[in-house]
Amino acid sequence: AKDADGGPSSSTYTGGKSTDSSATYKGSTGYPNPPGSAASKPVTLRAAVKACEVDAVTRALQKLENVDSCQSVEAALDATDGMGRTLLHLCATNSLRLGTDGVVNVLLARRARPDVRDCNDQTPLAISLAVVASADQRADTADSVAGFH
């Protein structure tokens, strides 16, 4: 099963228990919960990584360890979406977000593989460097434009 981004659904990580990842941020009324509320916290490992929330990533990994020890954690860390992206690839695309470095450290400590290449033959490190370089280039361009006024 795939989630909205084409990645493995939470059932991949929960030993067959299906959780609707689209409902992660919705309350019982069907409307999004206020940011920061306990109910708005990511429920799946993939959602926690996307949100760059170290505590949520750690909790999700601990739950996986309780389900099936190392095999579930290893499978979750090695899982790829439809574009061949692992959890580290997701972190790389969010390189500039606060919390990403902590999530990367947690994933690497659990032996996430940084050498996996996506469908574009890119490693997480290559993607992260490209994201940072692009942001630097945009900032330089903005500074240049601001200097002309």
C-alpha atoms as a PDB file:
ATOM      1  CA  ALA A   1       0.000   0.000   0.000  1.00  0.00           C
ATOM      2  CA  LYS A   2       1.147   3.535  -0.727  1.00  0.00           C
ATOM      3  CA  ASP A   3       0.586   6.792   1.125  1.00  0.00           C
ATOM      4  CA  ALA A   4      -0.385  10.085  -0.514  1.00  0.00           C
ATOM      5  CA  ASP A   5       3.230  10.760  -1.533  1.00  0.00           C
ATOM      6  CA  GLY A   6       3.669   7.360  -3.139  1.00  0.00           C
ATOM      7  CA  GLY A   7       5.618   6.016  -0.170  1.00  0.00           C
ATOM      8  CA  PRO A   8       4.859   2.872   1.770  1.00  0.00           C
ATOM      9  CA  SER A   9       1.773   3.251   3.916  1.00  0.00           C
ATOM     10  CA  SER A  10       1.928   2.976   7.650  1.00  0.00           C
ATOM     11  CA  SER A  11       0.750  -0.630   7.371  1.00  0.00           C
ATOM     12  CA  THR A  12       4.247  -1.389   6.068  1.00  0.00           C
ATOM     13  CA  TYR A  13       5.665  -0.231   9.389  1.00  0.00           C
ATOM     14  CA  THR A  14       3.037  -1.468  11.826  1.00  0.00           C
ATOM     15  CA  GLY A  15       3.024  -5.153  11.083  1.00  0.00           C
ATOM     16  CA  GLY A  16      -0.128  -5.061   8.984  1.00  0.00           C
ATOM     17  CA  LYS A  17      -2.179  -2.748  11.171  1.00  0.00           C
ATOM     18  CA  SER A  18      -3.508  -0.155   8.764  1.00  0.00           C
ATOM     19  CA  THR A  19      -3.520   3.476   9.797  1.00  0.00           C
ATOM     20  CA  ASP A  20      -4.900   6.115   7.445  1.00  0.00           C
ATOM     21  CA  SER A  21      -1.912   8.445   7.136  1.00  0.00           C
ATOM     22  CA  SER A  22      -4.127  11.156   5.649  1.00  0.00           C
ATOM     23  CA  ALA A  23      -5.981  11.304   8.970  1.00  0.00           C
ATOM     24  CA  THR A  24      -2.778  11.942  10.900  1.00  0.00           C
ATOM     25  CA  TYR A  25      -3.550  15.603  11.462  1.00  0.00           C
ATOM     26  CA  LYS A  26      -7.366  15.439  11.638  1.00  0.00           C
ATOM     27  CA  GLY A  27      -9.487  15.402  14.736  1.00  0.00           C
ATOM     28  CA  SER A  28     -12.730  13.553  15.254  1.00  0.00           C
ATOM     29  CA  THR A  29     -14.587  16.401  13.517  1.00  0.00           C
ATOM     30  CA  GLY A  30     -12.633  15.820  10.318  1.00  0.00           C
ATOM     31  CA  TYR A  31     -10.983  19.225  10.570  1.00  0.00           C
ATOM     32  CA  PRO A  32      -7.253  19.681  11.188  1.00  0.00           C
ATOM     33  CA  ASN A  33      -6.210  19.949  14.799  1.00  0.00           C
ATOM     34  CA  PRO A  34      -4.444  23.122  15.862  1.00  0.00           C
ATOM     35  CA  PRO A  35      -0.677  22.995  15.266  1.00  0.00           C
ATOM     36  CA  GLY A  36       1.190  21.954  18.383  1.00  0.00           C
ATOM     37  CA  SER A  37      -1.712  20.058  19.911  1.00  0.00           C
ATOM     38  CA  ALA A  38      -1.000  16.470  20.885  1.00  0.00           C
ATOM     39  CA  ALA A  39      -3.520  15.265  18.306  1.00  0.00           C
ATOM     40  CA  SER A  40      -1.702  17.091  15.505  1.00  0.00           C
ATOM     41  CA  LYS A  41       1.518  15.132  16.021  1.00  0.00           C
ATOM     42  CA  PRO A  42       2.533  12.692  13.249  1.00  0.00           C
ATOM     43  CA  VAL A  43       1.485   9.094  13.815  1.00  0.00           C
ATOM     44  CA  THR A  44       3.582   7.206  11.271  1.00  0.00           C
ATOM     45  CA  LEU A  45       7.348   7.099  10.965  1.00  0.00           C
ATOM     46  CA  ARG A  46       7.216   8.556   7.463  1.00  0.00           C
ATOM     47  CA  ALA A  47       4.961  11.435   8.623  1.00  0.00           C
ATOM     48  CA  ALA A  48       7.261  12.123  11.582  1.00  0.00           C
ATOM     49  CA  VAL A  49      10.293  12.286   9.271  1.00  0.00           C
ATOM     50  CA  LYS A  50       8.475  14.627   6.872  1.00  0.00           C
ATOM     51  CA  ALA A  51       7.517  16.861   9.805  1.00  0.00           C
ATOM     52  CA  CYS A  52      11.173  16.863  11.013  1.00  0.00           C
ATOM     53  CA  GLU A  53      10.084  15.939  14.553  1.00  0.00           C
ATOM     54  CA  VAL A  54      12.849  14.099  16.373  1.00  0.00           C
ATOM     55  CA  ASP A  55      10.672  12.957  19.294  1.00  0.00           C
ATOM     56  CA  ALA A  56       7.968  11.600  16.984  1.00  0.00           C
ATOM     57  CA  VAL A  57      10.584   9.749  14.888  1.00  0.00           C
ATOM     58  CA  THR A  58      12.100   8.259  18.038  1.00  0.00           C
ATOM     59  CA  ARG A  59       8.671   7.149  19.329  1.00  0.00           C
ATOM     60  CA  ALA A  60       7.752   5.592  15.968  1.00  0.00           C
ATOM     61  CA  LEU A  61      11.041   3.666  15.861  1.00  0.00           C
ATOM     62  CA  GLN A  62      10.544   2.464  19.443  1.00  0.00           C
ATOM     63  CA  LYS A  63       7.069   1.191  18.543  1.00  0.00           C
ATOM     64  CA  LEU A  64       8.569  -0.721  15.625  1.00  0.00           C
ATOM     65  CA  GLU A  65      11.170  -2.272  17.904  1.00  0.00           C
ATOM     66  CA  ASN A  66       8.387  -3.456  20.189  1.00  0.00           C
ATOM     67  CA  VAL A  67       6.538  -5.067  17.254  1.00  0.00           C
ATOM     68  CA  ASP A  68       9.290  -7.145  15.722  1.00  0.00           C
ATOM     69  CA  SER A  69      12.653  -6.048  17.084  1.00  0.00           C
ATOM     70  CA  CYS A  70      15.293  -5.198  14.488  1.00  0.00           C
ATOM     71  CA  GLN A  71      13.506  -6.573  11.421  1.00  0.00           C
ATOM     72  CA  SER A  72      10.705  -3.982  11.474  1.00  0.00           C
ATOM     73  CA  VAL A  73      13.077  -1.090  12.070  1.00  0.00           C
ATOM     74  CA  GLU A  74      15.444  -2.258   9.342  1.00  0.00           C
ATOM     75  CA  ALA A  75      12.567  -2.695   6.892  1.00  0.00           C
ATOM     76  CA  ALA A  76      11.230   0.781   7.692  1.00  0.00           C
ATOM     77  CA  LEU A  77      14.652   2.390   7.286  1.00  0.00           C
ATOM     78  CA  ASP A  78      15.279   0.613   3.969  1.00  0.00           C
ATOM     79  CA  ALA A  79      11.761   1.136   2.569  1.00  0.00           C
ATOM     80  CA  THR A  80      11.520   3.294  -0.539  1.00  0.00           C
ATOM     81  CA  ASP A  81       8.642   5.144  -2.128  1.00  0.00           C
ATOM     82  CA  GLY A  82       7.685   5.074  -5.808  1.00  0.00           C
ATOM     83  CA  MET A  83      10.703   7.244  -6.623  1.00  0.00           C
ATOM     84  CA  GLY A  84      13.189   5.131  -4.698  1.00  0.00           C
ATOM     85  CA  ARG A  85      13.428   7.625  -1.824  1.00  0.00           C
ATOM     86  CA  THR A  86      14.227   6.410   1.663  1.00  0.00           C
ATOM     87  CA  LEU A  87      13.558   8.298   4.887  1.00  0.00           C
ATOM     88  CA  LEU A  88      17.000   9.889   4.564  1.00  0.00           C
ATOM     89  CA  HIS A  89      16.053  11.139   1.081  1.00  0.00           C
ATOM     90  CA  LEU A  90      12.997  12.822   2.654  1.00  0.00           C
ATOM     91  CA  CYS A  91      15.247  14.487   5.214  1.00  0.00           C
ATOM     92  CA  ALA A  92      17.546  15.662   2.445  1.00  0.00           C
ATOM     93  CA  THR A  93      14.710  17.418   0.645  1.00  0.00           C
ATOM     94  CA  ASN A  94      13.947  19.223   3.930  1.00  0.00           C
ATOM     95  CA  SER A  95      17.584  20.078   4.669  1.00  0.00           C
ATOM     96  CA  LEU A  96      16.804  23.669   5.547  1.00  0.00           C
ATOM     97  CA  ARG A  97      14.023  22.896   8.041  1.00  0.00           C
ATOM     98  CA  LEU A  98      14.662  23.141  11.730  1.00  0.00           C
ATOM     99  CA  GLY A  99      14.913  19.661  13.257  1.00  0.00           C
ATOM    100  CA  THR A 100      16.145  17.861  10.152  1.00  0.00           C
ATOM    101  CA  ASP A 101      19.659  17.362  11.524  1.00  0.00           C
ATOM    102  CA  GLY A 102      18.269  15.692  14.642  1.00  0.00           C
ATOM    103  CA  VAL A 103      16.078  13.365  12.571  1.00  0.00           C
ATOM    104  CA  VAL A 104      19.054  12.456  10.368  1.00  0.00           C
ATOM    105  CA  ASN A 105      21.127  11.677  13.470  1.00  0.00           C
ATOM    106  CA  VAL A 106      18.373   9.406  14.853  1.00  0.00           C
ATOM    107  CA  LEU A 107      18.013   7.570  11.523  1.00  0.00           C
ATOM    108  CA  LEU A 108      21.769   7.129  11.106  1.00  0.00           C
ATOM    109  CA  ALA A 109      22.105   5.898  14.698  1.00  0.00           C
ATOM    110  CA  ARG A 110      19.533   3.217  13.811  1.00  0.00           C
ATOM    111  CA  ARG A 111      21.642   2.293  10.759  1.00  0.00           C
ATOM    112  CA  ALA A 112      19.694   3.972   7.953  1.00  0.00           C
ATOM    113  CA  ARG A 113      21.694   3.535   4.764  1.00  0.00           C
ATOM    114  CA  PRO A 114      23.041   6.842   3.373  1.00  0.00           C
ATOM    115  CA  ASP A 115      24.338   5.153   0.203  1.00  0.00           C
ATOM    116  CA  VAL A 116      20.927   4.281  -1.296  1.00  0.00           C
ATOM    117  CA  ARG A 117      20.278   6.022  -4.621  1.00  0.00           C
ATOM    118  CA  ASP A 118      16.830   7.144  -5.734  1.00  0.00           C
ATOM    119  CA  CYS A 119      15.369   6.835  -9.252  1.00  0.00           C
ATOM    120  CA  ASN A 120      17.448   9.875 -10.296  1.00  0.00           C
ATOM    121  CA  ASP A 121      20.630   8.155  -9.063  1.00  0.00           C
ATOM    122  CA  GLN A 122      20.919  10.627  -6.164  1.00  0.00           C
ATOM    123  CA  THR A 123      22.030   9.825  -2.621  1.00  0.00           C
ATOM    124  CA  PRO A 124      20.526  11.723   0.306  1.00  0.00           C
ATOM    125  CA  LEU A 125      23.783  13.679   0.681  1.00  0.00           C
ATOM    126  CA  ALA A 126      23.736  14.773  -2.970  1.00  0.00           C
ATOM    127  CA  ILE A 127      20.132  15.952  -2.610  1.00  0.00           C
ATOM    128  CA  SER A 128      20.905  17.837   0.589  1.00  0.00           C
ATOM    129  CA  LEU A 129      23.863  19.610  -1.003  1.00  0.00           C
ATOM    130  CA  ALA A 130      21.725  20.583  -4.000  1.00  0.00           C
ATOM    131  CA  VAL A 131      18.985  21.976  -1.724  1.00  0.00           C
ATOM    132  CA  VAL A 132      21.474  24.081   0.226  1.00  0.00           C
ATOM    133  CA  ALA A 133      23.243  25.292  -2.930  1.00  0.00           C
ATOM    134  CA  SER A 134      19.908  26.274  -4.482  1.00  0.00           C
ATOM    135  CA  ALA A 135      18.926  28.230  -1.364  1.00  0.00           C
ATOM    136  CA  ASP A 136      22.300  30.000  -1.347  1.00  0.00           C
ATOM    137  CA  GLN A 137      21.872  30.890  -5.011  1.00  0.00           C
ATOM    138  CA  ARG A 138      18.375  32.290  -4.372  1.00  0.00           C
ATOM    139  CA  ALA A 139      19.695  34.345  -1.459  1.00  0.00           C
ATOM    140  CA  ASP A 140      22.550  35.724  -3.606  1.00  0.00           C
ATOM    141  CA  THR A 141      20.075  36.613  -6.357  1.00  0.00           C
ATOM    142  CA  ALA A 142      17.772  38.350  -3.872  1.00  0.00           C
ATOM    143  CA  ASP A 143      20.737  40.300  -2.448  1.00  0.00           C
ATOM    144  CA  SER A 144      21.769  41.352  -5.971  1.00  0.00           C
ATOM    145  CA  VAL A 145      18.247  42.476  -6.860  1.00  0.00           C
ATOM    146  CA  ALA A 146      17.921  44.377  -3.564  1.00  0.00           C
ATOM    147  CA  GLY A 147      21.222  46.144  -4.287  1.00  0.00           C
ATOM    148  CA  PHE A 148      19.877  47.569  -7.541  1.00  0.00           C
ATOM    149  CA  HIS A 149      16.975  49.441  -5.921  1.00  0.00           C
END
